[in-house]
N, C-alpha and C. Protein backbone atom coordinates (compact mmCIF):
# COMPACT_ATOMS: atom_id res chain seq x y z
N UNK A 1 -32.88 10.59 18.85
CA UNK A 1 -32.42 9.27 18.87
C UNK A 1 -31.63 8.83 20.15
N UNK A 2 -31.98 7.81 20.70
CA UNK A 2 -31.46 7.30 21.88
C UNK A 2 -30.11 6.67 21.63
N UNK A 3 -29.45 6.54 22.78
CA UNK A 3 -28.10 5.96 22.64
C UNK A 3 -28.14 4.46 22.16
N UNK A 4 -29.10 3.75 22.49
CA UNK A 4 -29.52 2.29 22.08
C UNK A 4 -29.76 2.35 20.76
N UNK A 5 -30.55 3.20 20.32
CA UNK A 5 -30.93 3.17 18.82
C UNK A 5 -29.66 3.44 17.93
N UNK A 6 -28.70 4.19 18.42
CA UNK A 6 -27.62 4.59 17.62
C UNK A 6 -26.69 3.45 17.38
N UNK A 7 -26.64 2.54 18.50
CA UNK A 7 -25.82 1.29 18.35
C UNK A 7 -26.56 0.31 17.51
N UNK A 8 -27.97 0.33 17.30
CA UNK A 8 -28.62 -0.76 16.65
C UNK A 8 -28.43 -0.27 15.21
N UNK A 9 -28.38 1.05 14.94
CA UNK A 9 -28.31 1.64 13.39
C UNK A 9 -26.73 1.20 12.98
N UNK A 10 -25.88 0.92 13.84
CA UNK A 10 -24.47 0.69 13.41
C UNK A 10 -24.47 -0.57 12.36
N UNK A 11 -23.62 -0.39 11.25
CA UNK A 11 -23.26 -1.64 10.49
C UNK A 11 -22.01 -2.09 10.73
N UNK A 12 -22.09 -3.36 10.96
CA UNK A 12 -20.79 -4.12 11.22
C UNK A 12 -20.07 -4.69 9.86
N UNK A 13 -18.76 -4.63 9.68
CA UNK A 13 -18.19 -5.17 8.48
C UNK A 13 -17.10 -6.19 9.18
N UNK A 14 -16.99 -7.35 8.28
CA UNK A 14 -16.02 -8.35 8.51
C UNK A 14 -14.67 -7.63 8.02
N UNK A 15 -13.48 -8.34 8.61
CA UNK A 15 -12.16 -7.94 8.25
C UNK A 15 -12.08 -8.19 6.61
N UNK A 16 -12.80 -9.14 6.11
CA UNK A 16 -12.55 -9.31 4.66
C UNK A 16 -13.53 -8.04 3.93
N UNK A 17 -14.57 -7.72 4.50
CA UNK A 17 -15.29 -6.46 3.90
C UNK A 17 -14.50 -5.17 3.94
N UNK A 18 -13.69 -4.95 5.12
CA UNK A 18 -13.19 -3.75 5.13
C UNK A 18 -11.92 -3.97 4.31
N UNK A 19 -11.29 -4.96 4.13
CA UNK A 19 -10.17 -5.04 3.14
C UNK A 19 -10.73 -4.63 1.67
N UNK A 20 -11.94 -5.19 1.36
CA UNK A 20 -12.31 -4.97 0.07
C UNK A 20 -12.62 -3.58 -0.08
N UNK A 21 -13.06 -2.94 0.84
CA UNK A 21 -13.61 -1.39 0.82
C UNK A 21 -12.25 -0.61 0.76
N UNK A 22 -11.25 -0.93 1.43
CA UNK A 22 -10.04 -0.25 1.40
C UNK A 22 -9.08 -0.56 0.20
N UNK A 23 -9.38 -1.71 -0.36
CA UNK A 23 -8.65 -2.31 -1.61
C UNK A 23 -7.35 -2.69 -1.08
N UNK A 24 -7.17 -3.41 0.00
CA UNK A 24 -5.93 -3.92 0.55
C UNK A 24 -6.11 -5.34 0.90
N UNK A 25 -5.18 -6.03 1.42
CA UNK A 25 -5.35 -7.40 1.60
C UNK A 25 -6.01 -7.45 3.35
N UNK A 26 -6.39 -8.71 3.72
CA UNK A 26 -6.88 -8.74 4.96
C UNK A 26 -5.75 -8.50 6.04
N UNK A 27 -4.38 -8.98 5.65
CA UNK A 27 -3.51 -8.85 6.51
C UNK A 27 -3.22 -7.28 7.05
N UNK A 28 -3.34 -6.55 5.97
CA UNK A 28 -3.17 -4.92 6.36
C UNK A 28 -4.15 -4.50 7.21
N UNK A 29 -5.54 -4.95 7.29
CA UNK A 29 -6.52 -4.51 8.09
C UNK A 29 -6.22 -5.14 9.49
N UNK A 30 -5.77 -6.30 9.65
CA UNK A 30 -5.32 -6.94 10.90
C UNK A 30 -4.06 -6.18 11.51
N UNK A 31 -3.22 -5.63 10.59
CA UNK A 31 -2.15 -4.80 11.14
C UNK A 31 -2.57 -3.50 11.47
N UNK A 32 -3.40 -2.94 10.74
CA UNK A 32 -4.05 -1.47 11.19
C UNK A 32 -4.83 -1.56 12.52
N UNK A 33 -5.22 -2.73 12.79
CA UNK A 33 -6.11 -2.96 14.32
C UNK A 33 -4.97 -3.27 15.30
N UNK A 34 -4.05 -4.04 14.90
CA UNK A 34 -2.89 -4.40 16.01
C UNK A 34 -2.14 -3.11 16.44
N UNK A 35 -1.91 -2.38 15.48
CA UNK A 35 -1.06 -1.13 15.61
C UNK A 35 -1.82 0.07 16.26
N UNK A 36 -3.24 -0.18 16.33
CA UNK A 36 -3.96 0.74 16.97
C UNK A 36 -4.55 2.03 16.16
N UNK A 37 -4.51 1.84 14.84
CA UNK A 37 -4.78 2.82 13.80
C UNK A 37 -6.33 2.83 13.60
N UNK A 38 -6.73 1.42 13.77
CA UNK A 38 -8.23 1.25 13.62
C UNK A 38 -8.73 0.39 14.91
N UNK A 39 -9.89 0.58 15.18
CA UNK A 39 -10.50 -0.09 16.37
C UNK A 39 -11.42 -1.39 15.86
N UNK A 40 -11.44 -2.42 16.61
CA UNK A 40 -12.50 -3.26 16.00
C UNK A 40 -13.09 -4.02 17.44
N UNK A 41 -13.86 -4.83 17.26
CA UNK A 41 -14.62 -5.71 18.20
C UNK A 41 -14.87 -6.96 17.96
N UNK A 42 -14.89 -7.92 18.75
CA UNK A 42 -14.79 -9.20 18.52
C UNK A 42 -16.28 -10.00 18.81
N UNK A 43 -17.03 -10.24 17.76
CA UNK A 43 -18.24 -11.02 17.99
C UNK A 43 -18.05 -12.27 16.97
N UNK A 44 -17.49 -13.34 17.79
CA UNK A 44 -17.13 -14.44 16.83
C UNK A 44 -15.91 -14.14 16.10
N UNK A 45 -15.99 -13.33 15.26
CA UNK A 45 -14.59 -12.92 14.48
C UNK A 45 -14.59 -11.31 14.81
N UNK A 46 -13.37 -10.73 14.51
CA UNK A 46 -13.32 -9.22 14.27
C UNK A 46 -14.44 -8.64 13.45
N UNK A 47 -15.03 -7.61 14.01
CA UNK A 47 -15.71 -6.75 13.03
C UNK A 47 -15.37 -5.33 13.36
N UNK A 48 -15.59 -4.51 12.38
CA UNK A 48 -15.36 -2.92 12.27
C UNK A 48 -16.63 -2.10 11.97
N UNK A 49 -16.97 -1.21 12.76
CA UNK A 49 -18.29 -0.55 12.57
C UNK A 49 -17.98 0.26 11.40
N UNK A 50 -19.11 0.82 10.85
CA UNK A 50 -19.03 1.73 9.72
C UNK A 50 -18.59 2.96 10.12
N UNK A 51 -18.91 3.54 11.31
CA UNK A 51 -18.35 4.57 11.80
C UNK A 51 -16.93 4.65 12.14
N UNK A 52 -16.35 3.56 12.54
CA UNK A 52 -14.97 3.53 12.73
C UNK A 52 -14.16 3.50 11.33
N UNK A 53 -14.69 2.82 10.48
CA UNK A 53 -14.21 2.70 9.14
C UNK A 53 -14.03 4.14 8.47
N UNK A 54 -15.31 5.02 8.73
CA UNK A 54 -15.27 6.25 8.02
C UNK A 54 -14.26 7.20 8.87
N UNK A 55 -14.01 7.03 10.18
CA UNK A 55 -13.24 7.70 10.82
C UNK A 55 -11.78 7.44 10.42
N UNK A 56 -11.50 6.27 10.40
CA UNK A 56 -10.36 5.85 9.84
C UNK A 56 -9.96 6.70 8.49
N UNK A 57 -10.80 6.58 7.49
CA UNK A 57 -10.53 7.02 6.20
C UNK A 57 -10.40 8.43 6.12
N UNK A 58 -11.23 9.29 6.96
CA UNK A 58 -11.07 10.59 7.13
C UNK A 58 -9.70 10.98 7.89
N UNK A 59 -9.23 10.29 8.70
CA UNK A 59 -7.93 10.61 9.51
C UNK A 59 -6.79 10.13 8.58
N UNK A 60 -6.92 9.16 7.66
CA UNK A 60 -5.88 8.55 7.06
C UNK A 60 -5.65 9.71 5.87
N UNK A 61 -6.55 10.48 5.42
CA UNK A 61 -6.44 11.13 4.19
C UNK A 61 -5.28 12.05 4.27
N UNK A 62 -4.26 12.01 3.39
CA UNK A 62 -3.04 12.69 3.31
C UNK A 62 -1.87 11.98 3.95
N UNK A 63 -2.10 10.79 4.40
CA UNK A 63 -1.13 10.18 5.21
C UNK A 63 -0.36 8.79 4.35
N UNK A 64 0.79 8.58 4.71
CA UNK A 64 1.39 7.33 4.19
C UNK A 64 1.55 6.35 5.25
N UNK A 65 0.80 5.18 4.91
CA UNK A 65 0.71 4.10 5.86
C UNK A 65 1.56 2.90 5.55
N UNK A 66 2.57 3.06 4.80
CA UNK A 66 3.45 2.18 4.25
C UNK A 66 4.26 1.63 5.49
N UNK A 67 4.56 2.38 6.35
CA UNK A 67 5.12 1.74 7.64
C UNK A 67 4.18 2.21 8.76
N UNK A 68 3.44 1.10 9.34
CA UNK A 68 2.45 1.49 10.48
C UNK A 68 3.08 1.91 11.56
N UNK A 69 4.44 1.79 11.67
CA UNK A 69 4.93 2.32 12.97
C UNK A 69 5.53 3.59 12.90
N UNK A 70 5.40 4.14 11.50
CA UNK A 70 5.94 5.51 11.27
C UNK A 70 5.21 6.02 10.39
N UNK A 71 3.90 6.41 10.65
CA UNK A 71 2.90 7.05 9.58
C UNK A 71 3.24 8.59 9.48
N UNK A 72 3.45 8.95 8.13
CA UNK A 72 3.87 10.15 7.83
C UNK A 72 3.00 10.97 6.96
N UNK A 73 3.02 12.26 6.75
CA UNK A 73 2.39 12.86 5.98
C UNK A 73 2.81 12.57 4.48
N UNK A 74 1.89 12.42 3.45
CA UNK A 74 2.12 12.26 2.15
C UNK A 74 2.81 13.33 1.60
N UNK A 75 4.02 12.90 0.77
CA UNK A 75 4.73 13.97 -0.03
C UNK A 75 4.34 14.22 -1.36
N UNK A 76 4.21 15.62 -1.81
CA UNK A 76 3.82 15.60 -3.28
C UNK A 76 4.87 15.08 -4.16
N UNK A 77 4.27 14.45 -5.11
CA UNK A 77 5.10 13.93 -6.35
C UNK A 77 5.58 14.87 -7.33
């Protein structure tokens, strides 16, 4: 697969779609992007690639994002 083909195969999600998939509100997604925890691109409106969403979910596993300026490991309950 060529580099161009890989880009064409990407799926782009709107902020609303990302929020729905993560089961959070849109402001949370905007804050994740603003704080650098998730990257986006702007094509009219902000979009997140499927690969970036998967990367974020994998890297976020086991972490507490309640305070985006101080992300910590989840503590066992």
